């Protein structure tokens, strides 16, 4: 499962829980924050795996290792 697929499933689940009154707005937001952190980690793992397989990411016409791309693009915390 990709990070994007995981995020989509988790957000849908959280929205259903919120609509059914199983979680309040504060818990919804906290859970969503946790999902976001996990998705960033999953994406990093996927980028590192791609790098280990020899894949490169093209940005502005320059090919660079996937891990370097991830660190430069997503390193900042939310």
PDB file of N, CA and C in Angstrom:
ATOM      1  N   UNK A   1       0.846  -1.173   0.000  1.00  0.00           N
ATOM      2  CA  UNK A   1       0.000   0.000   0.000  1.00  0.00           C
ATOM      3  C   UNK A   1       0.891   1.235   0.000  1.00  0.00           C
ATOM      4  N   UNK A   2       0.561   2.181  -0.857  1.00  0.00           N
ATOM      5  CA  UNK A   2       1.348   3.412  -0.899  1.00  0.00           C
ATOM      6  C   UNK A   2       0.910   4.354   0.222  1.00  0.00           C
ATOM      7  N   UNK A   3       1.737   5.347   0.478  1.00  0.00           N
ATOM      8  CA  UNK A   3       1.423   6.343   1.506  1.00  0.00           C
ATOM      9  C   UNK A   3       0.128   7.073   1.158  1.00  0.00           C
ATOM     10  N   UNK A   4      -0.076   7.352  -0.107  1.00  0.00           N
ATOM     11  CA  UNK A   4      -1.286   8.064  -0.534  1.00  0.00           C
ATOM     12  C   UNK A   4      -2.530   7.204  -0.304  1.00  0.00           C
ATOM     13  N   UNK A   5      -2.438   5.919  -0.634  1.00  0.00           N
ATOM     14  CA  UNK A   5      -3.573   5.019  -0.405  1.00  0.00           C
ATOM     15  C   UNK A   5      -3.882   4.907   1.095  1.00  0.00           C
ATOM     16  N   UNK A   6      -2.849   4.777   1.905  1.00  0.00           N
ATOM     17  CA  UNK A   6      -3.015   4.693   3.357  1.00  0.00           C
ATOM     18  C   UNK A   6      -3.695   5.954   3.884  1.00  0.00           C
ATOM     19  N   UNK A   7      -3.212   7.108   3.442  1.00  0.00           N
ATOM     20  CA  UNK A   7      -3.800   8.380   3.885  1.00  0.00           C
ATOM     21  C   UNK A   7      -5.281   8.447   3.527  1.00  0.00           C
ATOM     22  N   UNK A   8      -5.601   8.090   2.303  1.00  0.00           N
ATOM     23  CA  UNK A   8      -6.983   8.137   1.850  1.00  0.00           C
ATOM     24  C   UNK A   8      -7.886   7.252   2.722  1.00  0.00           C
ATOM     25  N   UNK A   9      -7.461   6.019   2.959  1.00  0.00           N
ATOM     26  CA  UNK A   9      -8.262   5.106   3.769  1.00  0.00           C
ATOM     27  C   UNK A   9      -8.437   5.615   5.198  1.00  0.00           C
ATOM     28  N   UNK A  10      -7.361   6.134   5.781  1.00  0.00           N
ATOM     29  CA  UNK A  10      -7.426   6.618   7.164  1.00  0.00           C
ATOM     30  C   UNK A  10      -8.314   7.848   7.295  1.00  0.00           C
ATOM     31  N   UNK A  11      -8.228   8.751   6.335  1.00  0.00           N
ATOM     32  CA  UNK A  11      -9.062   9.956   6.387  1.00  0.00           C
ATOM     33  C   UNK A  11     -10.536   9.586   6.250  1.00  0.00           C
ATOM     34  N   UNK A  12     -10.844   8.693   5.345  1.00  0.00           N
ATOM     35  CA  UNK A  12     -12.232   8.245   5.188  1.00  0.00           C
ATOM     36  C   UNK A  12     -12.730   7.608   6.478  1.00  0.00           C
ATOM     37  N   UNK A  13     -11.907   6.760   7.088  1.00  0.00           N
ATOM     38  CA  UNK A  13     -12.289   6.123   8.347  1.00  0.00           C
ATOM     39  C   UNK A  13     -12.525   7.160   9.449  1.00  0.00           C
ATOM     40  N   UNK A  14     -11.628   8.122   9.560  1.00  0.00           N
ATOM     41  CA  UNK A  14     -11.791   9.159  10.585  1.00  0.00           C
ATOM     42  C   UNK A  14     -13.038   9.994  10.343  1.00  0.00           C
ATOM     43  N   UNK A  15     -13.316  10.300   9.089  1.00  0.00           N
ATOM     44  CA  UNK A  15     -14.515  11.080   8.772  1.00  0.00           C
ATOM     45  C   UNK A  15     -15.781  10.308   9.149  1.00  0.00           C
ATOM     46  N   UNK A  16     -15.780   9.005   8.883  1.00  0.00           N
ATOM     47  CA  UNK A  16     -16.936   8.182   9.262  1.00  0.00           C
ATOM     48  C   UNK A  16     -17.111   8.168  10.778  1.00  0.00           C
ATOM     49  N   UNK A  17     -15.992   7.999  11.502  1.00  0.00           N
ATOM     50  CA  UNK A  17     -16.058   8.002  12.964  1.00  0.00           C
ATOM     51  C   UNK A  17     -16.600   9.331  13.486  1.00  0.00           C
ATOM     52  N   UNK A  18     -16.172  10.415  12.872  1.00  0.00           N
ATOM     53  CA  UNK A  18     -16.628  11.751  13.291  1.00  0.00           C
ATOM     54  C   UNK A  18     -18.116  11.912  13.012  1.00  0.00           C
ATOM     55  N   UNK A  19     -18.536  11.511  11.835  1.00  0.00           N
ATOM     56  CA  UNK A  19     -19.947  11.625  11.459  1.00  0.00           C
ATOM     57  C   UNK A  19     -20.841  10.780  12.361  1.00  0.00           C
ATOM     58  N   UNK A  20     -20.339   9.635  12.814  1.00  0.00           N
ATOM     59  CA  UNK A  20     -21.107   8.740  13.682  1.00  0.00           C
ATOM     60  C   UNK A  20     -21.017   9.142  15.153  1.00  0.00           C
ATOM     61  N   UNK A  21     -20.268  10.187  15.444  1.00  0.00           N
ATOM     62  CA  UNK A  21     -20.135  10.664  16.809  1.00  0.00           C
ATOM     63  C   UNK A  21     -19.226   9.819  17.683  1.00  0.00           C
ATOM     64  N   UNK A  22     -18.413   8.982  17.058  1.00  0.00           N
ATOM     65  CA  UNK A  22     -17.500   8.124  17.816  1.00  0.00           C
ATOM     66  C   UNK A  22     -16.282   8.895  18.318  1.00  0.00           C
ATOM     67  N   UNK A  23     -15.920   9.967  17.629  1.00  0.00           N
ATOM     68  CA  UNK A  23     -14.834  10.827  18.089  1.00  0.00           C
ATOM     69  C   UNK A  23     -15.271  12.289  17.969  1.00  0.00           C
ATOM     70  N   UNK A  24     -14.763  13.125  18.869  1.00  0.00           N
ATOM     71  CA  UNK A  24     -15.094  14.548  18.803  1.00  0.00           C
ATOM     72  C   UNK A  24     -14.105  15.277  17.892  1.00  0.00           C
ATOM     73  N   UNK A  25     -14.322  16.568  17.723  1.00  0.00           N
ATOM     74  CA  UNK A  25     -13.502  17.354  16.793  1.00  0.00           C
ATOM     75  C   UNK A  25     -12.035  17.385  17.206  1.00  0.00           C
ATOM     76  N   UNK A  26     -11.776  17.480  18.490  1.00  0.00           N
ATOM     77  CA  UNK A  26     -10.387  17.537  18.963  1.00  0.00           C
ATOM     78  C   UNK A  26      -9.680  16.223  18.686  1.00  0.00           C
ATOM     79  N   UNK A  27     -10.325  15.104  19.012  1.00  0.00           N
ATOM     80  CA  UNK A  27      -9.723  13.800  18.742  1.00  0.00           C
ATOM     81  C   UNK A  27      -9.574  13.548  17.245  1.00  0.00           C
ATOM     82  N   UNK A  28     -10.532  14.027  16.463  1.00  0.00           N
ATOM     83  CA  UNK A  28     -10.432  13.908  15.011  1.00  0.00           C
ATOM     84  C   UNK A  28      -9.163  14.588  14.523  1.00  0.00           C
ATOM     85  N   UNK A  29      -8.939  15.811  14.988  1.00  0.00           N
ATOM     86  CA  UNK A  29      -7.760  16.572  14.575  1.00  0.00           C
ATOM     87  C   UNK A  29      -6.466  15.879  15.039  1.00  0.00           C
ATOM     88  N   UNK A  30      -6.453  15.405  16.278  1.00  0.00           N
ATOM     89  CA  UNK A  30      -5.274  14.712  16.799  1.00  0.00           C
ATOM     90  C   UNK A  30      -4.974  13.449  16.004  1.00  0.00           C
ATOM     91  N   UNK A  31      -6.014  12.678  15.709  1.00  0.00           N
ATOM     92  CA  UNK A  31      -5.835  11.456  14.918  1.00  0.00           C
ATOM     93  C   UNK A  31      -5.342  11.786  13.509  1.00  0.00           C
ATOM     94  N   UNK A  32      -5.895  12.842  12.937  1.00  0.00           N
ATOM     95  CA  UNK A  32      -5.488  13.251  11.599  1.00  0.00           C
ATOM     96  C   UNK A  32      -4.018  13.670  11.590  1.00  0.00           C
ATOM     97  N   UNK A  33      -3.588  14.368  12.633  1.00  0.00           N
ATOM     98  CA  UNK A  33      -2.172  14.739  12.749  1.00  0.00           C
ATOM     99  C   UNK A  33      -1.291  13.495  12.815  1.00  0.00           C
ATOM    100  N   UNK A  34      -1.720  12.490  13.565  1.00  0.00           N
ATOM    101  CA  UNK A  34      -0.942  11.251  13.677  1.00  0.00           C
ATOM    102  C   UNK A  34      -0.873  10.521  12.339  1.00  0.00           C
ATOM    103  N   UNK A  35      -1.975  10.534  11.612  1.00  0.00           N
ATOM    104  CA  UNK A  35      -1.994   9.909  10.283  1.00  0.00           C
ATOM    105  C   UNK A  35      -1.005  10.624   9.371  1.00  0.00           C
ATOM    106  N   UNK A  36      -1.001  11.949   9.429  1.00  0.00           N
ATOM    107  CA  UNK A  36      -0.097  12.727   8.586  1.00  0.00           C
ATOM    108  C   UNK A  36       1.364  12.388   8.880  1.00  0.00           C
ATOM    109  N   UNK A  37       1.709  12.275  10.150  1.00  0.00           N
ATOM    110  CA  UNK A  37       3.079  11.918  10.531  1.00  0.00           C
ATOM    111  C   UNK A  37       3.423  10.534   9.989  1.00  0.00           C
ATOM    112  N   UNK A  38       2.511   9.587  10.129  1.00  0.00           N
ATOM    113  CA  UNK A  38       2.755   8.219   9.635  1.00  0.00           C
ATOM    114  C   UNK A  38       2.896   8.200   8.118  1.00  0.00           C
ATOM    115  N   UNK A  39       2.087   8.974   7.431  1.00  0.00           N
ATOM    116  CA  UNK A  39       2.150   9.011   5.969  1.00  0.00           C
ATOM    117  C   UNK A  39       3.487   9.582   5.504  1.00  0.00           C
ATOM    118  N   UNK A  40       3.967  10.632   6.178  1.00  0.00           N
ATOM    119  CA  UNK A  40       5.278  11.172   5.825  1.00  0.00           C
ATOM    120  C   UNK A  40       6.362  10.114   6.004  1.00  0.00           C
ATOM    121  N   UNK A  41       6.288   9.342   7.082  1.00  0.00           N
ATOM    122  CA  UNK A  41       7.271   8.286   7.333  1.00  0.00           C
ATOM    123  C   UNK A  41       7.162   7.188   6.267  1.00  0.00           C
ATOM    124  N   UNK A  42       5.932   6.808   5.931  1.00  0.00           N
ATOM    125  CA  UNK A  42       5.740   5.798   4.888  1.00  0.00           C
ATOM    126  C   UNK A  42       6.317   6.271   3.559  1.00  0.00           C
ATOM    127  N   UNK A  43       6.067   7.533   3.234  1.00  0.00           N
ATOM    128  CA  UNK A  43       6.562   8.069   1.971  1.00  0.00           C
ATOM    129  C   UNK A  43       8.085   8.066   1.968  1.00  0.00           C
ATOM    130  N   UNK A  44       8.680   8.445   3.086  1.00  0.00           N
ATOM    131  CA  UNK A  44      10.135   8.423   3.188  1.00  0.00           C
ATOM    132  C   UNK A  44      10.659   7.005   2.948  1.00  0.00           C
ATOM    133  N   UNK A  45      10.028   6.025   3.595  1.00  0.00           N
ATOM    134  CA  UNK A  45      10.436   4.631   3.418  1.00  0.00           C
ATOM    135  C   UNK A  45      10.314   4.211   1.951  1.00  0.00           C
ATOM    136  N   UNK A  46       9.239   4.641   1.305  1.00  0.00           N
ATOM    137  CA  UNK A  46       9.042   4.292  -0.099  1.00  0.00           C
ATOM    138  C   UNK A  46      10.091   4.953  -0.978  1.00  0.00           C
ATOM    139  N   UNK A  47      10.452   6.197  -0.666  1.00  0.00           N
ATOM    140  CA  UNK A  47      11.478   6.897  -1.431  1.00  0.00           C
ATOM    141  C   UNK A  47      12.840   6.228  -1.239  1.00  0.00           C
ATOM    142  N   UNK A  48      13.151   5.839  -0.003  1.00  0.00           N
ATOM    143  CA  UNK A  48      14.425   5.166   0.266  1.00  0.00           C
ATOM    144  C   UNK A  48      14.463   3.826  -0.463  1.00  0.00           C
ATOM    145  N   UNK A  49      13.343   3.110  -0.441  1.00  0.00           N
ATOM    146  CA  UNK A  49      13.275   1.839  -1.164  1.00  0.00           C
ATOM    147  C   UNK A  49      13.504   2.061  -2.658  1.00  0.00           C
ATOM    148  N   UNK A  50      12.897   3.095  -3.192  1.00  0.00           N
ATOM    149  CA  UNK A  50      13.092   3.405  -4.610  1.00  0.00           C
ATOM    150  C   UNK A  50      14.561   3.728  -4.877  1.00  0.00           C
ATOM    151  N   UNK A  51      15.162   4.478  -3.959  1.00  0.00           N
ATOM    152  CA  UNK A  51      16.573   4.819  -4.108  1.00  0.00           C
ATOM    153  C   UNK A  51      17.441   3.560  -4.076  1.00  0.00           C
ATOM    154  N   UNK A  52      17.129   2.655  -3.150  1.00  0.00           N
ATOM    155  CA  UNK A  52      17.891   1.413  -3.036  1.00  0.00           C
ATOM    156  C   UNK A  52      17.765   0.548  -4.283  1.00  0.00           C
ATOM    157  N   UNK A  53      16.668   0.698  -4.973  1.00  0.00           N
ATOM    158  CA  UNK A  53      16.470  -0.054  -6.216  1.00  0.00           C
ATOM    159  C   UNK A  53      17.107   0.652  -7.412  1.00  0.00           C
ATOM    160  N   UNK A  54      17.720   1.807  -7.123  1.00  0.00           N
ATOM    161  CA  UNK A  54      18.406   2.535  -8.180  1.00  0.00           C
ATOM    162  C   UNK A  54      17.561   3.557  -8.898  1.00  0.00           C
ATOM    163  N   UNK A  55      16.355   3.808  -8.406  1.00  0.00           N
ATOM    164  CA  UNK A  55      15.511   4.805  -9.042  1.00  0.00           C
ATOM    165  C   UNK A  55      16.004   6.183  -8.661  1.00  0.00           C
ATOM    166  N   UNK A  56      15.838   7.108  -9.555  1.00  0.00           N
ATOM    167  CA  UNK A  56      16.223   8.495  -9.309  1.00  0.00           C
ATOM    168  C   UNK A  56      15.006   9.386  -9.520  1.00  0.00           C
ATOM    169  N   UNK A  57      15.009  10.516  -8.865  1.00  0.00           N
ATOM    170  CA  UNK A  57      13.903  11.463  -8.978  1.00  0.00           C
ATOM    171  C   UNK A  57      14.393  12.659  -9.782  1.00  0.00           C
ATOM    172  N   UNK A  58      13.626  13.043 -10.793  1.00  0.00           N
ATOM    173  CA  UNK A  58      13.999  14.198 -11.604  1.00  0.00           C
ATOM    174  C   UNK A  58      13.296  15.433 -11.062  1.00  0.00           C
ATOM    175  N   UNK A  59      14.101  16.422 -10.752  1.00  0.00           N
ATOM    176  CA  UNK A  59      13.543  17.693 -10.299  1.00  0.00           C
ATOM    177  C   UNK A  59      14.297  18.782 -11.038  1.00  0.00           C
ATOM    178  N   UNK A  60      13.559  19.625 -11.736  1.00  0.00           N
ATOM    179  CA  UNK A  60      14.153  20.706 -12.507  1.00  0.00           C
ATOM    180  C   UNK A  60      15.205  20.185 -13.484  1.00  0.00           C
ATOM    181  N   UNK A  61      14.926  19.019 -14.056  1.00  0.00           N
ATOM    182  CA  UNK A  61      15.809  18.452 -15.061  1.00  0.00           C
ATOM    183  C   UNK A  61      17.064  17.792 -14.530  1.00  0.00           C
ATOM    184  N   UNK A  62      17.199  17.733 -13.193  1.00  0.00           N
ATOM    185  CA  UNK A  62      18.384  17.128 -12.590  1.00  0.00           C
ATOM    186  C   UNK A  62      17.957  15.865 -11.868  1.00  0.00           C
ATOM    187  N   UNK A  63      18.629  14.764 -12.142  1.00  0.00           N
ATOM    188  CA  UNK A  63      18.326  13.516 -11.458  1.00  0.00           C
ATOM    189  C   UNK A  63      19.118  13.452 -10.165  1.00  0.00           C
ATOM    190  N   UNK A  64      18.447  13.089  -9.084  1.00  0.00           N
ATOM    191  CA  UNK A  64      19.105  12.988  -7.788  1.00  0.00           C
ATOM    192  C   UNK A  64      18.561  11.786  -7.040  1.00  0.00           C
ATOM    193  N   UNK A  65      19.295  11.299  -6.063  1.00  0.00           N
ATOM    194  CA  UNK A  65      18.809  10.158  -5.283  1.00  0.00           C
ATOM    195  C   UNK A  65      17.480  10.483  -4.595  1.00  0.00           C
ATOM    196  N   UNK A  66      16.618   9.477  -4.510  1.00  0.00           N
ATOM    197  CA  UNK A  66      15.286   9.668  -3.939  1.00  0.00           C
ATOM    198  C   UNK A  66      15.351  10.131  -2.486  1.00  0.00           C
ATOM    199  N   UNK A  67      16.287   9.599  -1.694  1.00  0.00           N
ATOM    200  CA  UNK A  67      16.380  10.000  -0.287  1.00  0.00           C
ATOM    201  C   UNK A  67      16.749  11.475  -0.163  1.00  0.00           C
ATOM    202  N   UNK A  68      17.646  11.943  -0.998  1.00  0.00           N
ATOM    203  CA  UNK A  68      18.024  13.356  -0.986  1.00  0.00           C
ATOM    204  C   UNK A  68      16.809  14.220  -1.332  1.00  0.00           C
ATOM    205  N   UNK A  69      16.067  13.812  -2.349  1.00  0.00           N
ATOM    206  CA  UNK A  69      14.852  14.534  -2.734  1.00  0.00           C
ATOM    207  C   UNK A  69      13.874  14.605  -1.567  1.00  0.00           C
ATOM    208  N   UNK A  70      13.653  13.467  -0.904  1.00  0.00           N
ATOM    209  CA  UNK A  70      12.724  13.441   0.224  1.00  0.00           C
ATOM    210  C   UNK A  70      13.177  14.414   1.304  1.00  0.00           C
ATOM    211  N   UNK A  71      14.443  14.326   1.694  1.00  0.00           N
ATOM    212  CA  UNK A  71      14.953  15.166   2.778  1.00  0.00           C
ATOM    213  C   UNK A  71      14.828  16.644   2.460  1.00  0.00           C
ATOM    214  N   UNK A  72      15.113  17.031   1.243  1.00  0.00           N
ATOM    215  CA  UNK A  72      15.022  18.431   0.859  1.00  0.00           C
ATOM    216  C   UNK A  72      13.581  18.911   0.734  1.00  0.00           C
ATOM    217  N   UNK A  73      12.698  18.023   0.348  1.00  0.00           N
ATOM    218  CA  UNK A  73      11.319  18.414   0.071  1.00  0.00           C
ATOM    219  C   UNK A  73      10.408  18.287   1.285  1.00  0.00           C
ATOM    220  N   UNK A  74      10.585  17.226   2.096  1.00  0.00           N
ATOM    221  CA  UNK A  74       9.640  16.914   3.154  1.00  0.00           C
ATOM    222  C   UNK A  74      10.236  16.938   4.558  1.00  0.00           C
ATOM    223  N   UNK A  75      11.465  17.352   4.715  1.00  0.00           N
ATOM    224  CA  UNK A  75      12.135  17.270   6.015  1.00  0.00           C
ATOM    225  C   UNK A  75      11.452  18.139   7.071  1.00  0.00           C
ATOM    226  N   UNK A  76      10.939  19.286   6.696  1.00  0.00           N
ATOM    227  CA  UNK A  76      10.348  20.180   7.685  1.00  0.00           C
ATOM    228  C   UNK A  76       9.144  19.537   8.334  1.00  0.00           C
ATOM    229  N   UNK A  77       9.008  19.766   9.620  1.00  0.00           N
ATOM    230  CA  UNK A  77       7.879  19.223  10.375  1.00  0.00           C
ATOM    231  C   UNK A  77       6.667  20.095  10.159  1.00  0.00           C
ATOM    232  N   UNK A  78       5.520  19.530  10.354  1.00  0.00           N
ATOM    233  CA  UNK A  78       4.251  20.216  10.176  1.00  0.00           C
ATOM    234  C   UNK A  78       4.069  21.244  11.241  1.00  0.00           C
TER     235      UNK A  78
END
